[in-house]
Amino acid sequence: MAQVAALVEALKVALKSSRMTYASVARSMGLSESSVKRKFSRHEFTLADIDRICSLCDMDISDLVSLMEERHGRLRALTVTQEREIASDLGLLVVTVCVLNRWSFDNITDFYVFDEHELVQMLAKLDRLKIIELQPNNRLKLLVAPNFGWLPNGPIEQVFLRAIQQDFFAARFEREDHELIVLNGMLVDTSNAEFRKKMARLAREFELLNREDGGKSFAERHGYTVVLALRDWDYKGFASLRKDMSGQLEK
């Protein structure tokens, strides 16, 4: 619940900056003012609640997360050199992904082949990078911002993009807990921009759920990967059926 608590505290700052009152929030949520105050004091908000209140402040959840991080000053990204160091060492990359998903020391040694000495050495590297704090008895404290991410087109993102192209879409997506949606259409620029904004928002909601579920038992959690992508693209198989429009375009 620490993630929700931090968001709620940031939400109080946003409301104050927007000159919004608890009464305004109560009206938008269809609740009494006392109920809203109780929710704030107990941090009893769902993501949908937070999203609704963000709208009152003319912001979205990603803006709220940024505000929260401004208040805490946590690491949001690595440098290219740091990412390259991690990407070049498969073991270190695995451990980095594990700690970002709130695996404990024992979780990692139970699941992977690293011995304790080897794992401590890799965790010490992540400690120096300020990704975690390696505490006594091999306890791990995650230090990065909730909106921490790999550099766009950086060394680590490239590793995962290659894996996505070669492996991820090889699945049939037939399991009940899997989902694949492929859409195509024609959008004007403003609609494209609006949809990309919604994609970013959905990605943020996934990350918030991921961090909230980090407080649950390891046995309850399962690893998932979400790929959100949008680009202008035509199926190459259609190319042979196209008319040659070059002459018309020159007129």
Protein backbone atom coordinates (compact mmCIF):
# COMPACT_ATOMS: atom_id res chain seq x y z
CA MET A 1 0.00 0.00 0.00
CA ALA A 2 3.00 2.32 0.17
CA GLN A 3 2.59 3.20 -3.50
CA VAL A 4 -1.03 4.30 -3.04
CA ALA A 5 -0.10 6.24 0.10
CA ALA A 6 2.58 8.18 -1.76
CA LEU A 7 0.19 8.90 -4.63
CA VAL A 8 -2.50 10.12 -2.25
CA GLU A 9 -0.05 12.51 -0.59
CA ALA A 10 0.93 13.84 -4.01
CA LEU A 11 -2.77 14.12 -4.84
CA LYS A 12 -3.26 16.41 -1.84
CA VAL A 13 -0.55 18.68 -3.23
CA ALA A 14 -2.20 18.67 -6.68
CA LEU A 15 -5.60 19.53 -5.21
CA LYS A 16 -4.14 22.41 -3.25
CA SER A 17 -2.33 23.74 -6.34
CA SER A 18 -5.55 23.53 -8.34
CA ARG A 19 -7.52 25.24 -5.54
CA MET A 20 -9.78 22.21 -5.31
CA THR A 21 -11.46 21.31 -2.02
CA TYR A 22 -12.58 18.05 -0.44
CA ALA A 23 -16.12 19.24 -1.13
CA SER A 24 -15.33 19.41 -4.86
CA VAL A 25 -13.92 15.89 -4.74
CA ALA A 26 -16.96 14.67 -2.83
CA ARG A 27 -19.34 16.05 -5.45
CA SER A 28 -17.43 14.43 -8.31
CA MET A 29 -17.40 11.06 -6.55
CA GLY A 30 -20.96 11.20 -5.28
CA LEU A 31 -19.82 10.92 -1.66
CA SER A 32 -20.11 13.02 1.46
CA GLU A 33 -17.23 15.32 2.33
CA SER A 34 -16.58 13.35 5.52
CA SER A 35 -16.27 10.12 3.49
CA VAL A 36 -13.73 11.75 1.19
CA LYS A 37 -11.70 13.03 4.14
CA ARG A 38 -11.74 9.53 5.61
CA LYS A 39 -10.51 8.06 2.31
CA PHE A 40 -7.63 10.53 2.24
CA SER A 41 -6.64 9.85 5.83
CA ARG A 42 -6.75 6.08 5.34
CA HIS A 43 -5.42 6.12 1.75
CA GLU A 44 -8.44 4.09 0.66
CA PHE A 45 -8.41 4.92 -3.05
CA THR A 46 -8.56 2.67 -6.06
CA LEU A 47 -6.75 3.58 -9.28
CA ALA A 48 -10.14 4.57 -10.72
CA ASP A 49 -10.68 6.95 -7.78
CA ILE A 50 -7.24 8.50 -8.25
CA ASP A 51 -7.85 8.84 -11.98
CA ARG A 52 -11.14 10.65 -11.39
CA ILE A 53 -9.59 13.09 -8.93
CA CYS A 54 -6.68 13.70 -11.31
CA SER A 55 -9.22 14.76 -13.94
CA LEU A 56 -10.53 17.41 -11.53
CA CYS A 57 -7.00 18.82 -11.39
CA ASP A 58 -6.69 18.70 -15.20
CA MET A 59 -3.96 16.06 -15.03
CA ASP A 60 -3.60 12.30 -15.50
CA ILE A 61 -1.98 9.59 -13.43
CA SER A 62 1.39 9.95 -15.19
CA ASP A 63 1.43 13.65 -14.20
CA LEU A 64 0.65 12.66 -10.62
CA VAL A 65 3.48 10.13 -10.56
CA SER A 66 5.87 12.80 -11.85
CA LEU A 67 4.73 15.12 -9.07
CA MET A 68 5.29 12.36 -6.52
CA GLU A 69 8.81 11.79 -7.78
CA GLU A 70 9.63 15.49 -7.67
CA ARG A 71 8.85 15.28 -3.97
CA HIS A 72 11.05 12.22 -3.39
CA GLY A 73 13.88 12.70 -5.91
CA ARG A 74 14.33 9.02 -6.83
CA LEU A 75 16.23 7.63 -9.81
CA ARG A 76 14.18 7.64 -13.01
CA ALA A 77 16.69 6.29 -15.52
CA LEU A 78 20.26 5.07 -15.92
CA THR A 79 22.90 6.50 -18.21
CA VAL A 80 23.75 4.81 -21.50
CA THR A 81 27.04 3.59 -19.98
CA GLN A 82 25.25 2.09 -16.99
CA GLU A 83 22.66 0.38 -19.16
CA ARG A 84 25.39 -0.96 -21.41
CA GLU A 85 27.15 -2.51 -18.40
CA ILE A 86 23.95 -4.29 -17.36
CA ALA A 87 22.96 -5.33 -20.89
CA SER A 88 26.37 -6.90 -21.52
CA ASP A 89 26.01 -9.23 -18.51
CA LEU A 90 23.01 -11.57 -18.80
CA GLY A 91 23.17 -12.53 -15.14
CA LEU A 92 23.23 -8.90 -14.02
CA LEU A 93 20.33 -8.10 -16.35
CA VAL A 94 18.26 -10.94 -14.89
CA VAL A 95 18.96 -9.79 -11.35
CA THR A 96 18.14 -6.18 -12.25
CA VAL A 97 14.76 -7.19 -13.65
CA CYS A 98 14.11 -9.33 -10.57
CA VAL A 99 14.79 -6.56 -8.07
CA LEU A 100 12.71 -4.09 -10.08
CA ASN A 101 9.86 -6.57 -9.69
CA ARG A 102 10.50 -6.78 -5.94
CA TRP A 103 12.03 -10.23 -5.74
CA SER A 104 13.79 -10.98 -2.49
CA PHE A 105 17.32 -12.41 -2.22
CA ASP A 106 15.87 -15.87 -1.48
CA ASN A 107 13.41 -15.62 -4.38
CA ILE A 108 16.32 -15.08 -6.76
CA THR A 109 18.51 -17.89 -5.39
CA ASP A 110 15.53 -20.28 -5.36
CA PHE A 111 14.69 -19.56 -9.00
CA TYR A 112 18.08 -19.00 -10.66
CA VAL A 113 21.46 -20.75 -10.58
CA PHE A 114 23.44 -17.98 -8.82
CA ASP A 115 25.20 -18.91 -5.60
CA GLU A 116 25.00 -16.46 -2.69
CA HIS A 117 28.45 -14.96 -3.21
CA GLU A 118 27.82 -14.37 -6.92
CA LEU A 119 24.44 -12.82 -6.24
CA VAL A 120 25.78 -10.50 -3.54
CA GLN A 121 28.40 -9.22 -5.99
CA MET A 122 25.74 -8.40 -8.59
CA LEU A 123 23.48 -6.78 -6.00
CA ALA A 124 26.43 -4.68 -4.84
CA LYS A 125 26.71 -3.33 -8.38
CA LEU A 126 23.04 -2.39 -8.35
CA ASP A 127 23.57 -0.75 -4.96
CA ARG A 128 26.33 1.41 -6.45
CA LEU A 129 23.97 2.37 -9.29
CA LYS A 130 21.38 3.45 -6.67
CA ILE A 131 18.81 0.99 -8.01
CA ILE A 132 18.63 -0.76 -4.65
CA GLU A 133 20.06 -0.50 -1.18
CA LEU A 134 21.64 -3.79 -0.12
CA GLN A 135 20.83 -4.00 3.56
CA PRO A 136 22.00 -6.34 6.36
CA ASN A 137 20.95 -10.00 6.03
CA ASN A 138 20.69 -9.49 2.26
CA ARG A 139 17.49 -7.50 2.47
CA LEU A 140 16.79 -5.40 -0.63
CA LYS A 141 15.29 -1.92 -0.64
CA LEU A 142 14.20 -0.65 -4.04
CA LEU A 143 15.25 2.97 -4.57
CA VAL A 144 14.09 3.81 -8.09
CA ALA A 145 11.13 5.99 -8.98
CA PRO A 146 7.78 4.38 -9.82
CA ASN A 147 8.18 5.77 -13.33
CA PHE A 148 11.70 4.40 -13.68
CA GLY A 149 12.26 3.07 -17.17
CA TRP A 150 14.87 1.97 -19.67
CA LEU A 151 16.27 4.59 -22.02
CA PRO A 152 14.27 4.79 -25.28
CA ASN A 153 16.19 2.78 -27.87
CA GLY A 154 18.92 2.29 -25.26
CA PRO A 155 21.04 -0.84 -24.68
CA ILE A 156 18.53 -2.64 -22.45
CA GLU A 157 15.47 -1.77 -24.51
CA GLN A 158 17.29 -3.14 -27.55
CA VAL A 159 17.86 -6.45 -25.76
CA PHE A 160 14.16 -6.79 -25.03
CA LEU A 161 13.07 -5.63 -28.48
CA ARG A 162 15.14 -8.40 -30.06
CA ALA A 163 13.54 -10.94 -27.71
CA ILE A 164 10.05 -9.61 -28.48
CA GLN A 165 10.62 -9.91 -32.22
CA GLN A 166 12.08 -13.41 -31.98
CA ASP A 167 10.10 -14.98 -29.15
CA PHE A 168 7.23 -13.01 -27.64
CA PHE A 169 4.89 -13.10 -30.63
CA ALA A 170 5.69 -16.75 -31.33
CA ALA A 171 2.99 -17.63 -28.78
CA ARG A 172 -0.61 -18.31 -29.80
CA PHE A 173 -2.11 -16.24 -26.94
CA GLU A 174 -4.72 -18.92 -26.22
CA ARG A 175 -4.45 -19.05 -22.44
CA GLU A 176 -7.19 -17.43 -20.38
CA ASP A 177 -4.71 -15.03 -18.76
CA HIS A 178 -3.22 -13.96 -22.13
CA GLU A 179 -4.55 -11.31 -24.48
CA LEU A 180 -3.71 -10.21 -28.02
CA ILE A 181 -5.57 -7.40 -29.79
CA VAL A 182 -4.55 -6.27 -33.27
CA LEU A 183 -6.30 -3.26 -34.77
CA ASN A 184 -5.84 -1.16 -37.88
CA GLY A 185 -7.52 1.99 -39.03
CA MET A 186 -6.99 5.51 -40.34
CA LEU A 187 -6.62 8.38 -37.88
CA VAL A 188 -6.05 12.11 -38.18
CA ASP A 189 -3.04 13.51 -36.33
CA THR A 190 -5.05 14.72 -33.34
CA SER A 191 -6.65 11.31 -32.86
CA ASN A 192 -3.24 9.65 -33.12
CA ALA A 193 -1.89 11.96 -30.41
CA GLU A 194 -4.89 11.28 -28.16
CA PHE A 195 -4.56 7.52 -28.55
CA ARG A 196 -0.83 7.61 -27.77
CA LYS A 197 -1.62 9.56 -24.63
CA LYS A 198 -4.07 6.84 -23.61
CA MET A 199 -1.42 4.18 -24.30
CA ALA A 200 0.99 5.98 -21.98
CA ARG A 201 -1.72 6.16 -19.35
CA LEU A 202 -2.46 2.44 -19.65
CA ALA A 203 1.24 1.67 -19.31
CA ARG A 204 1.36 3.74 -16.13
CA GLU A 205 -1.63 1.89 -14.70
CA PHE A 206 0.06 -1.44 -15.41
CA GLU A 207 3.17 -0.25 -13.58
CA LEU A 208 1.14 0.96 -10.61
CA LEU A 209 -0.60 -2.42 -10.35
CA ASN A 210 2.78 -4.12 -10.63
CA ARG A 211 4.15 -2.10 -7.74
CA GLU A 212 1.07 -2.59 -5.60
CA ASP A 213 1.16 -6.35 -6.16
CA GLY A 214 4.81 -6.30 -5.12
CA GLY A 215 3.55 -6.34 -1.54
CA LYS A 216 1.77 -9.66 -2.05
CA SER A 217 3.33 -13.07 -1.63
CA PHE A 218 5.76 -14.24 -4.28
CA ALA A 219 3.66 -17.37 -4.95
CA GLU A 220 0.62 -15.23 -5.87
CA ARG A 221 2.44 -13.20 -8.52
CA HIS A 222 3.13 -14.24 -12.11
CA GLY A 223 5.39 -12.60 -14.67
CA TYR A 224 3.71 -10.81 -17.58
CA THR A 225 4.96 -8.60 -20.39
CA VAL A 226 2.83 -5.94 -22.07
CA VAL A 227 3.76 -4.55 -25.49
CA LEU A 228 2.03 -1.34 -26.57
CA ALA A 229 2.90 -0.13 -30.05
CA LEU A 230 1.47 2.15 -32.72
CA ARG A 231 2.97 3.03 -36.08
CA ASP A 232 2.03 3.60 -39.71
CA TRP A 233 2.41 0.18 -41.29
CA ASP A 234 1.06 -1.66 -44.31
CA TYR A 235 1.08 -5.41 -44.67
CA LYS A 236 3.73 -6.20 -47.28
CA GLY A 237 1.46 -8.82 -48.84
CA PHE A 238 -0.82 -6.03 -50.08
CA ALA A 239 1.96 -4.30 -52.03
CA SER A 240 1.57 -6.48 -55.16
CA LEU A 241 -2.06 -5.37 -55.50
CA ARG A 242 -1.40 -1.64 -55.43
CA LYS A 243 -1.63 0.61 -58.45
CA ASP A 244 1.39 2.67 -59.40
CA MET A 245 0.39 6.13 -58.15
CA SER A 246 3.72 7.86 -58.83
CA GLY A 247 2.55 9.43 -62.08
CA GLN A 248 -0.62 10.79 -60.51
CA LEU A 249 1.27 12.25 -57.56
CA GLU A 250 3.46 14.27 -59.93
CA LYS A 251 0.43 15.94 -61.59
